[in-house]
Amino acid sequence: MTLVSEYRFRGIDQTFGKPAIQGGFDYSHESGIYLGNWNSNVSQGAGYPGGNIEMDLYGGWKKALGDVGLDVGGIYYYYPGSDASLLGAANPHSTKTNSGTVHNIEAYVGVSWQWLSFKWSHAISDYFLVPDTSGTNYYDLSATYDLGGGWGVNGHVGHLSVQGYSETDYTDYKVGVTKDVSGWVFGASYVGTNAKGNCPFNATTSPYCFANSAGNHTKDAGRSTVVLQVGKTF
């Protein structure tokens, strides 16, 4: 379970600058097979009209060979109560309109070496049901280093390449520090992106200008910020 001051997904604000409570369950087998579920509150203005929660279901296989690790799997992002038809023709290069509950299906492959890791995620469905964006890719290079005494530092740089909608491509980054206090992990991270989010909203020049759940206020969803968190694994 984790409490964060703001939920950022791939660098993009999902809660309109408000806190989020997050948690999940994981099962792993000695064979390397694993299954899990993770959940967080979200703002419907982040692209999930009618929805207020994200539910992720994932599974895969992990194997470590010395300092080298391999991770292969898939993940299903689901936003119950949302209505994709309200997104309309969210992609200005497409005349298609999707319907049903907003979701996203990705397959991924990850490799790691000591404190470094790289992960490639590939969208099998339209990316969060934005029309004609199936085949979207996200690349994630991360580092986590244990300083000892309960202290740790981490860093990340990622890049989103959206199929058929290049205006939504961007690079995100994060640098952070954590402290473990009797099993409670406190953290602070600086998060930023170069996503096009200057408001007012425009699907071509400012696709990451998001609205609050009431739809009466907008904000640059890719702006730089500091995210604070505290969590514990049970």
Protein backbone atom coordinates (compact mmCIF):
# COMPACT_ATOMS: atom_id res chain seq x y z
CA MET A 1 0.00 0.00 0.00
CA THR A 2 1.25 3.47 -0.90
CA LEU A 3 0.03 7.04 -0.43
CA VAL A 4 1.38 9.55 -2.97
CA SER A 5 0.95 13.32 -3.18
CA GLU A 6 0.18 12.99 -6.91
CA TYR A 7 -0.12 10.00 -9.25
CA ARG A 8 2.14 10.22 -12.29
CA PHE A 9 1.92 7.52 -14.97
CA ARG A 10 4.85 7.66 -17.37
CA GLY A 11 5.38 11.21 -16.17
CA ILE A 12 1.80 12.35 -16.85
CA ASP A 13 -0.52 13.58 -14.07
CA GLN A 14 -3.43 11.16 -13.48
CA THR A 15 -5.05 12.86 -10.44
CA PHE A 16 -5.01 16.57 -11.39
CA GLY A 17 -2.32 17.29 -8.82
CA LYS A 18 -4.27 15.61 -5.99
CA PRO A 19 -3.17 12.71 -3.74
CA ALA A 20 -3.76 9.04 -4.55
CA ILE A 21 -4.05 5.89 -2.48
CA GLN A 22 -2.59 2.87 -4.24
CA GLY A 23 -2.23 -0.79 -3.52
CA GLY A 24 -2.08 -4.27 -4.95
CA PHE A 25 -1.47 -7.96 -4.52
CA ASP A 26 1.27 -10.12 -5.99
CA TYR A 27 1.82 -13.85 -6.25
CA SER A 28 5.05 -15.42 -7.47
CA HIS A 29 5.97 -19.07 -7.97
CA GLU A 30 9.43 -20.59 -7.71
CA SER A 31 9.19 -21.40 -11.44
CA GLY A 32 9.33 -17.64 -12.16
CA ILE A 33 5.65 -17.27 -13.04
CA TYR A 34 3.90 -14.34 -11.35
CA LEU A 35 0.44 -12.75 -11.24
CA GLY A 36 -0.66 -9.46 -9.76
CA ASN A 37 -3.18 -6.67 -9.40
CA TRP A 38 -2.55 -2.96 -8.71
CA ASN A 39 -5.07 -0.13 -8.21
CA SER A 40 -5.17 3.65 -7.86
CA ASN A 41 -7.70 6.45 -7.90
CA VAL A 42 -7.56 8.67 -11.01
CA SER A 43 -9.22 11.81 -12.35
CA GLN A 44 -11.68 11.23 -15.19
CA GLY A 45 -10.23 14.32 -16.87
CA ALA A 46 -6.99 12.37 -17.47
CA GLY A 47 -8.70 10.52 -20.32
CA TYR A 48 -11.09 8.22 -18.44
CA PRO A 49 -14.50 9.99 -18.70
CA GLY A 50 -16.90 8.59 -16.12
CA GLY A 51 -14.19 6.59 -14.32
CA ASN A 52 -12.38 7.25 -11.05
CA ILE A 53 -10.19 4.18 -10.51
CA GLU A 54 -7.46 2.35 -12.41
CA MET A 55 -7.24 -1.42 -12.02
CA ASP A 56 -4.21 -3.22 -13.49
CA LEU A 57 -4.03 -6.97 -13.98
CA TYR A 58 -0.70 -8.47 -15.01
CA GLY A 59 1.21 -11.68 -15.28
CA GLY A 60 4.44 -13.01 -16.67
CA TRP A 61 7.64 -14.89 -16.10
CA LYS A 62 10.86 -13.72 -14.43
CA LYS A 63 14.24 -15.42 -14.31
CA ALA A 64 17.57 -14.36 -12.83
CA LEU A 65 20.92 -15.67 -14.10
CA GLY A 66 23.52 -14.19 -11.82
CA ASP A 67 23.37 -10.40 -12.12
CA VAL A 68 21.19 -10.57 -15.24
CA GLY A 69 17.41 -10.76 -15.05
CA LEU A 70 14.72 -11.35 -17.67
CA ASP A 71 11.04 -10.40 -17.38
CA VAL A 72 8.39 -11.21 -20.02
CA GLY A 73 4.68 -10.59 -19.54
CA GLY A 74 1.52 -8.67 -20.23
CA ILE A 75 -0.67 -6.10 -18.48
CA TYR A 76 -4.30 -5.03 -18.78
CA TYR A 77 -5.20 -1.49 -17.67
CA TYR A 78 -8.92 -1.16 -16.86
CA TYR A 79 -11.02 1.86 -15.79
CA PRO A 80 -14.45 0.62 -14.59
CA GLY A 81 -17.34 3.01 -15.16
CA SER A 82 -15.53 4.93 -17.90
CA ASP A 83 -17.00 5.51 -21.36
CA ALA A 84 -14.56 5.59 -24.28
CA SER A 85 -17.19 7.05 -26.63
CA LEU A 86 -16.94 10.33 -24.69
CA LEU A 87 -13.35 10.65 -25.87
CA GLY A 88 -14.72 11.15 -29.37
CA ALA A 89 -12.17 11.34 -32.17
CA ALA A 90 -9.32 11.89 -29.69
CA ASN A 91 -6.78 11.28 -32.44
CA PRO A 92 -7.04 14.13 -35.00
CA HIS A 93 -5.52 11.85 -37.64
CA SER A 94 -8.33 9.30 -37.31
CA THR A 95 -12.06 9.34 -38.07
CA LYS A 96 -12.63 6.30 -35.85
CA THR A 97 -14.48 6.52 -32.52
CA ASN A 98 -14.06 3.75 -29.95
CA SER A 99 -16.75 2.62 -27.53
CA GLY A 100 -16.93 0.65 -24.29
CA THR A 101 -14.88 0.91 -21.14
CA VAL A 102 -11.49 2.62 -21.44
CA HIS A 103 -8.68 0.06 -21.28
CA ASN A 104 -5.23 -0.72 -22.61
CA ILE A 105 -3.46 -4.04 -23.27
CA GLU A 106 0.33 -4.22 -23.44
CA ALA A 107 2.97 -6.90 -23.77
CA TYR A 108 6.40 -6.20 -22.31
CA VAL A 109 9.96 -7.47 -22.19
CA GLY A 110 12.43 -6.33 -19.55
CA VAL A 111 16.09 -7.00 -18.84
CA SER A 112 18.11 -5.98 -15.79
CA TRP A 113 21.72 -5.97 -14.65
CA GLN A 114 22.52 -5.28 -11.00
CA TRP A 115 20.94 -1.85 -10.35
CA LEU A 116 20.05 -1.04 -13.99
CA SER A 117 16.94 -2.14 -15.89
CA PHE A 118 15.36 -1.61 -19.31
CA LYS A 119 11.77 -2.40 -20.28
CA TRP A 120 9.94 -2.24 -23.61
CA SER A 121 6.13 -2.11 -23.54
CA HIS A 122 4.08 -2.55 -26.71
CA ALA A 123 0.35 -1.74 -26.97
CA ILE A 124 -1.68 -4.56 -28.51
CA SER A 125 -4.92 -2.58 -28.28
CA ASP A 126 -5.48 1.06 -29.20
CA TYR A 127 -3.45 2.97 -26.59
CA PHE A 128 -6.00 3.69 -23.82
CA LEU A 129 -8.60 3.51 -26.61
CA VAL A 130 -7.34 6.58 -28.45
CA PRO A 131 -8.41 5.62 -32.00
CA ASP A 132 -5.87 4.03 -34.35
CA THR A 133 -2.96 3.97 -31.92
CA SER A 134 -2.42 0.21 -31.64
CA GLY A 135 1.31 -0.53 -31.83
CA THR A 136 2.33 2.30 -29.51
CA ASN A 137 5.65 1.73 -27.71
CA TYR A 138 7.06 2.89 -24.38
CA TYR A 139 10.74 2.54 -23.49
CA ASP A 140 11.85 2.67 -19.85
CA LEU A 141 15.44 2.89 -18.58
CA SER A 142 15.63 2.87 -14.77
CA ALA A 143 18.23 2.68 -12.03
CA THR A 144 17.84 1.89 -8.32
CA TYR A 145 20.84 1.97 -6.01
CA ASP A 146 21.04 1.01 -2.32
CA LEU A 147 23.21 3.44 -0.34
CA GLY A 148 22.95 1.45 2.88
CA GLY A 149 21.41 2.43 6.18
CA GLY A 150 17.94 2.29 4.66
CA TRP A 151 18.73 4.98 2.09
CA GLY A 152 18.34 4.54 -1.66
CA VAL A 153 18.42 6.64 -4.81
CA ASN A 154 16.63 6.05 -8.09
CA GLY A 155 16.41 7.51 -11.55
CA HIS A 156 14.38 6.95 -14.68
CA VAL A 157 14.07 8.16 -18.26
CA GLY A 158 11.29 6.96 -20.53
CA HIS A 159 10.02 7.69 -24.02
CA LEU A 160 6.50 7.23 -25.42
CA SER A 161 6.13 6.75 -29.19
CA VAL A 162 2.44 6.78 -30.14
CA GLN A 163 1.49 4.98 -33.33
CA GLY A 164 -0.24 7.35 -35.78
CA TYR A 165 -0.34 10.32 -33.40
CA SER A 166 3.19 11.72 -33.11
CA GLU A 167 2.04 14.93 -31.39
CA THR A 168 1.59 12.87 -28.22
CA ASP A 169 5.16 11.52 -28.24
CA TYR A 170 7.26 12.72 -25.32
CA THR A 171 10.17 11.89 -23.01
CA ASP A 172 9.78 11.76 -19.23
CA TYR A 173 12.33 11.57 -16.42
CA LYS A 174 12.53 11.13 -12.66
CA VAL A 175 15.19 11.37 -9.95
CA GLY A 176 14.40 10.41 -6.38
CA VAL A 177 15.52 9.32 -2.94
CA THR A 178 13.98 6.82 -0.50
CA LYS A 179 14.39 6.01 3.18
CA ASP A 180 13.27 2.76 4.84
CA VAL A 181 12.14 3.27 8.46
CA SER A 182 11.15 -0.03 10.07
CA GLY A 183 9.55 -1.27 6.87
CA TRP A 184 7.86 2.01 6.00
CA VAL A 185 9.43 3.48 2.86
CA PHE A 186 9.36 7.28 2.52
CA GLY A 187 10.27 8.83 -0.81
CA ALA A 188 10.59 12.09 -2.73
CA SER A 189 10.99 12.33 -6.50
CA TYR A 190 11.35 15.13 -9.02
CA VAL A 191 9.32 14.27 -12.12
CA GLY A 192 9.21 16.05 -15.48
CA THR A 193 8.41 15.63 -19.17
CA ASN A 194 8.58 17.50 -22.46
CA ALA A 195 4.96 16.57 -23.27
CA LYS A 196 2.82 19.18 -25.04
CA GLY A 197 0.54 20.31 -22.23
CA ASN A 198 0.18 24.09 -22.48
CA CYS A 199 -3.50 24.91 -22.00
CA PRO A 200 -6.10 25.47 -23.43
CA PHE A 201 -6.54 21.98 -24.86
CA ASN A 202 -5.80 21.33 -28.51
CA ALA A 203 -5.51 17.76 -29.82
CA THR A 204 -2.55 18.67 -32.03
CA THR A 205 -0.59 21.36 -30.19
CA SER A 206 -1.53 20.59 -26.58
CA PRO A 207 -2.86 17.02 -26.14
CA TYR A 208 -1.69 16.80 -22.52
CA CYS A 209 -3.81 19.69 -21.26
CA PHE A 210 -6.11 17.74 -18.92
CA ALA A 211 -9.25 18.80 -17.06
CA ASN A 212 -10.31 18.11 -13.49
CA SER A 213 -13.14 15.63 -12.85
CA ALA A 214 -15.71 18.44 -12.86
CA GLY A 215 -14.42 19.62 -16.23
CA ASN A 216 -14.25 23.27 -15.15
CA HIS A 217 -10.48 23.69 -14.79
CA THR A 218 -7.46 22.60 -16.88
CA LYS A 219 -3.81 21.96 -16.12
CA ASP A 220 -0.60 20.96 -17.93
CA ALA A 221 -0.45 17.23 -17.11
CA GLY A 222 3.23 16.94 -18.01
CA ARG A 223 4.53 19.83 -15.90
CA SER A 224 7.51 19.28 -13.60
CA THR A 225 6.74 18.59 -9.94
CA VAL A 226 7.93 16.91 -6.75
CA VAL A 227 6.03 13.75 -5.75
CA LEU A 228 6.10 12.60 -2.10
CA GLN A 229 5.13 9.10 -1.02
CA VAL A 230 5.01 6.67 1.87
CA GLY A 231 4.33 2.97 1.54
CA LYS A 232 4.67 -0.42 3.12
CA THR A 233 4.77 -4.00 1.83
CA PHE A 234 2.90 -6.59 3.89
